[in-house]
Amino acid sequence: MACADLVTEPWESLGVPLLIDRPDIKCWMEIVEPGETRPVHTHRHPWVTIVLEGAAGDLLAPDGSLIQAGRPCSGDVGYHGVQELPASHCVRNTADRRFVAVAVELRNPAAA
């Protein structure tokens, strides 16, 4: 199988377990320690991000180029819809504290 044929789910690429594993919803948590850059992962379904512990950081493209610098705050919630898919990126924590977020992937948004 060629590398282009390998399709991994975001939580698999990140190496984190699912908190919710249902056919219509997948949910996982990502913790990014200060100075850490997490693995690149690709979203193929709409998702919601809920920031539990905010920190300054960068959203990077697979080639390492900057997509967006930000400072998400605890309690921030964002929706990422179908017009943005597929979305490949990674997160780099540039703060002196950890960043923690929960991602909720909507596999069938009409039913979720």
C-alpha atoms as a PDB file:
ATOM      1  CA  MET A   1       0.000   0.000   0.000  1.00  0.00           C
ATOM      2  CA  ALA A   2       1.402   3.397  -0.946  1.00  0.00           C
ATOM      3  CA  CYS A   3       1.704   6.132   1.656  1.00  0.00           C
ATOM      4  CA  ALA A   4      -0.943   8.165  -0.172  1.00  0.00           C
ATOM      5  CA  ASP A   5      -3.347   5.282   0.448  1.00  0.00           C
ATOM      6  CA  LEU A   6      -2.840   5.361   4.215  1.00  0.00           C
ATOM      7  CA  VAL A   7      -5.631   7.277   5.895  1.00  0.00           C
ATOM      8  CA  THR A   8      -5.341   7.824   9.612  1.00  0.00           C
ATOM      9  CA  GLU A   9      -7.833   9.432  11.897  1.00  0.00           C
ATOM     10  CA  PRO A  10      -6.781  12.563  13.812  1.00  0.00           C
ATOM     11  CA  TRP A  11      -6.645  10.791  17.196  1.00  0.00           C
ATOM     12  CA  GLU A  12      -4.531   8.005  15.692  1.00  0.00           C
ATOM     13  CA  SER A  13      -2.013  10.494  14.291  1.00  0.00           C
ATOM     14  CA  LEU A  14      -1.928  12.259  17.664  1.00  0.00           C
ATOM     15  CA  GLY A  15      -1.598   8.995  19.595  1.00  0.00           C
ATOM     16  CA  VAL A  16      -4.480   9.745  21.955  1.00  0.00           C
ATOM     17  CA  PRO A  17      -7.461   7.583  22.927  1.00  0.00           C
ATOM     18  CA  LEU A  18     -11.040   8.387  22.052  1.00  0.00           C
ATOM     19  CA  LEU A  19     -13.166   9.671  24.916  1.00  0.00           C
ATOM     20  CA  ILE A  20     -16.347   9.062  22.903  1.00  0.00           C
ATOM     21  CA  ASP A  21     -16.436   6.504  20.100  1.00  0.00           C
ATOM     22  CA  ARG A  22     -19.833   6.412  18.426  1.00  0.00           C
ATOM     23  CA  PRO A  23     -20.626   6.082  14.739  1.00  0.00           C
ATOM     24  CA  ASP A  24     -21.846   9.707  14.604  1.00  0.00           C
ATOM     25  CA  ILE A  25     -19.443  11.379  17.080  1.00  0.00           C
ATOM     26  CA  LYS A  26     -15.756  10.913  17.915  1.00  0.00           C
ATOM     27  CA  CYS A  27     -14.172  12.872  20.767  1.00  0.00           C
ATOM     28  CA  TRP A  28     -10.586  13.136  22.017  1.00  0.00           C
ATOM     29  CA  MET A  29      -8.405  15.396  24.153  1.00  0.00           C
ATOM     30  CA  GLU A  30      -5.130  16.965  23.089  1.00  0.00           C
ATOM     31  CA  ILE A  31      -2.604  18.203  25.631  1.00  0.00           C
ATOM     32  CA  VAL A  32       0.287  20.311  24.343  1.00  0.00           C
ATOM     33  CA  GLU A  33       3.041  20.981  26.852  1.00  0.00           C
ATOM     34  CA  PRO A  34       5.041  24.260  26.783  1.00  0.00           C
ATOM     35  CA  GLY A  35       7.422  24.285  23.805  1.00  0.00           C
ATOM     36  CA  GLU A  36       5.929  21.096  22.337  1.00  0.00           C
ATOM     37  CA  THR A  37       4.757  20.658  18.751  1.00  0.00           C
ATOM     38  CA  ARG A  38       2.174  17.921  18.312  1.00  0.00           C
ATOM     39  CA  PRO A  39       2.071  15.596  15.261  1.00  0.00           C
ATOM     40  CA  VAL A  40       0.408  16.657  12.035  1.00  0.00           C
ATOM     41  CA  HIS A  41      -3.113  15.290  11.712  1.00  0.00           C
ATOM     42  CA  THR A  42      -5.894  15.609   9.149  1.00  0.00           C
ATOM     43  CA  HIS A  43      -9.560  16.337   9.815  1.00  0.00           C
ATOM     44  CA  ARG A  44     -11.946  14.907   7.225  1.00  0.00           C
ATOM     45  CA  HIS A  45     -15.186  15.656   9.096  1.00  0.00           C
ATOM     46  CA  PRO A  46     -16.524  18.838  10.719  1.00  0.00           C
ATOM     47  CA  TRP A  47     -15.408  19.282  14.311  1.00  0.00           C
ATOM     48  CA  VAL A  48     -15.839  21.457  17.376  1.00  0.00           C
ATOM     49  CA  THR A  49     -12.881  22.479  19.538  1.00  0.00           C
ATOM     50  CA  ILE A  50     -13.387  23.286  23.230  1.00  0.00           C
ATOM     51  CA  VAL A  51     -10.411  24.895  24.975  1.00  0.00           C
ATOM     52  CA  LEU A  52     -10.049  23.690  28.569  1.00  0.00           C
ATOM     53  CA  GLU A  53      -6.700  25.363  29.304  1.00  0.00           C
ATOM     54  CA  GLY A  54      -5.707  28.218  27.020  1.00  0.00           C
ATOM     55  CA  ALA A  55      -2.156  29.130  26.013  1.00  0.00           C
ATOM     56  CA  ALA A  56      -0.368  31.009  23.252  1.00  0.00           C
ATOM     57  CA  GLY A  57       0.474  28.908  20.247  1.00  0.00           C
ATOM     58  CA  ASP A  58       0.791  28.460  16.534  1.00  0.00           C
ATOM     59  CA  LEU A  59      -1.288  26.482  14.084  1.00  0.00           C
ATOM     60  CA  LEU A  60       1.138  25.060  11.515  1.00  0.00           C
ATOM     61  CA  ALA A  61       0.728  23.538   8.051  1.00  0.00           C
ATOM     62  CA  PRO A  62       2.224  20.083   7.385  1.00  0.00           C
ATOM     63  CA  ASP A  63       5.329  21.766   5.898  1.00  0.00           C
ATOM     64  CA  GLY A  64       5.833  23.738   9.141  1.00  0.00           C
ATOM     65  CA  SER A  65       4.686  27.083   7.772  1.00  0.00           C
ATOM     66  CA  LEU A  66       2.540  29.273   9.991  1.00  0.00           C
ATOM     67  CA  ILE A  67      -1.212  29.140   9.330  1.00  0.00           C
ATOM     68  CA  GLN A  68      -2.202  31.242  12.319  1.00  0.00           C
ATOM     69  CA  ALA A  69      -0.727  32.454  15.600  1.00  0.00           C
ATOM     70  CA  GLY A  70      -3.177  32.725  18.443  1.00  0.00           C
ATOM     71  CA  ARG A  71      -3.886  32.858  22.114  1.00  0.00           C
ATOM     72  CA  PRO A  72      -6.949  30.688  22.693  1.00  0.00           C
ATOM     73  CA  CYS A  73      -8.481  31.236  26.113  1.00  0.00           C
ATOM     74  CA  SER A  74      -9.983  28.691  28.469  1.00  0.00           C
ATOM     75  CA  GLY A  75     -13.633  28.306  27.534  1.00  0.00           C
ATOM     76  CA  ASP A  76     -13.219  29.231  23.867  1.00  0.00           C
ATOM     77  CA  VAL A  77     -15.286  27.087  21.504  1.00  0.00           C
ATOM     78  CA  GLY A  78     -14.840  26.917  17.744  1.00  0.00           C
ATOM     79  CA  TYR A  79     -16.687  25.166  14.929  1.00  0.00           C
ATOM     80  CA  HIS A  80     -14.783  23.995  11.857  1.00  0.00           C
ATOM     81  CA  GLY A  81     -17.151  23.138   9.019  1.00  0.00           C
ATOM     82  CA  VAL A  82     -17.117  21.196   5.779  1.00  0.00           C
ATOM     83  CA  GLN A  83     -15.841  24.145   3.716  1.00  0.00           C
ATOM     84  CA  GLU A  84     -12.517  23.843   5.569  1.00  0.00           C
ATOM     85  CA  LEU A  85     -11.998  20.110   4.883  1.00  0.00           C
ATOM     86  CA  PRO A  86      -9.741  18.290   4.630  1.00  0.00           C
ATOM     87  CA  ALA A  87      -7.700  20.236   7.154  1.00  0.00           C
ATOM     88  CA  SER A  88      -4.151  19.098   7.915  1.00  0.00           C
ATOM     89  CA  HIS A  89      -2.248  20.891  10.650  1.00  0.00           C
ATOM     90  CA  CYS A  90      -0.406  20.639  13.936  1.00  0.00           C
ATOM     91  CA  VAL A  91      -0.271  22.759  17.073  1.00  0.00           C
ATOM     92  CA  ARG A  92       2.854  24.293  18.636  1.00  0.00           C
ATOM     93  CA  ASN A  93       2.643  25.630  22.180  1.00  0.00           C
ATOM     94  CA  THR A  94       4.673  28.845  22.508  1.00  0.00           C
ATOM     95  CA  ALA A  95       3.527  29.569  26.077  1.00  0.00           C
ATOM     96  CA  ASP A  96       4.998  28.686  29.458  1.00  0.00           C
ATOM     97  CA  ARG A  97       1.907  26.670  30.405  1.00  0.00           C
ATOM     98  CA  ARG A  98       0.175  23.716  28.807  1.00  0.00           C
ATOM     99  CA  PHE A  99      -2.638  23.921  26.279  1.00  0.00           C
ATOM    100  CA  VAL A 100      -5.542  21.483  26.630  1.00  0.00           C
ATOM    101  CA  ALA A 101      -8.433  21.144  24.190  1.00  0.00           C
ATOM    102  CA  VAL A 102     -11.166  18.650  23.448  1.00  0.00           C
ATOM    103  CA  ALA A 103     -12.130  17.953  19.836  1.00  0.00           C
ATOM    104  CA  VAL A 104     -15.593  16.633  18.981  1.00  0.00           C
ATOM    105  CA  GLU A 105     -15.821  15.304  15.435  1.00  0.00           C
ATOM    106  CA  LEU A 106     -19.278  15.197  13.841  1.00  0.00           C
ATOM    107  CA  ARG A 107     -19.384  12.175  11.527  1.00  0.00           C
ATOM    108  CA  ASN A 108     -22.967  12.816  10.451  1.00  0.00           C
ATOM    109  CA  PRO A 109     -23.641  16.489  11.234  1.00  0.00           C
ATOM    110  CA  ALA A 110     -27.296  16.322  10.169  1.00  0.00           C
ATOM    111  CA  ALA A 111     -27.953  13.653  12.791  1.00  0.00           C
ATOM    112  CA  ALA A 112     -25.646  14.925  15.538  1.00  0.00           C
END
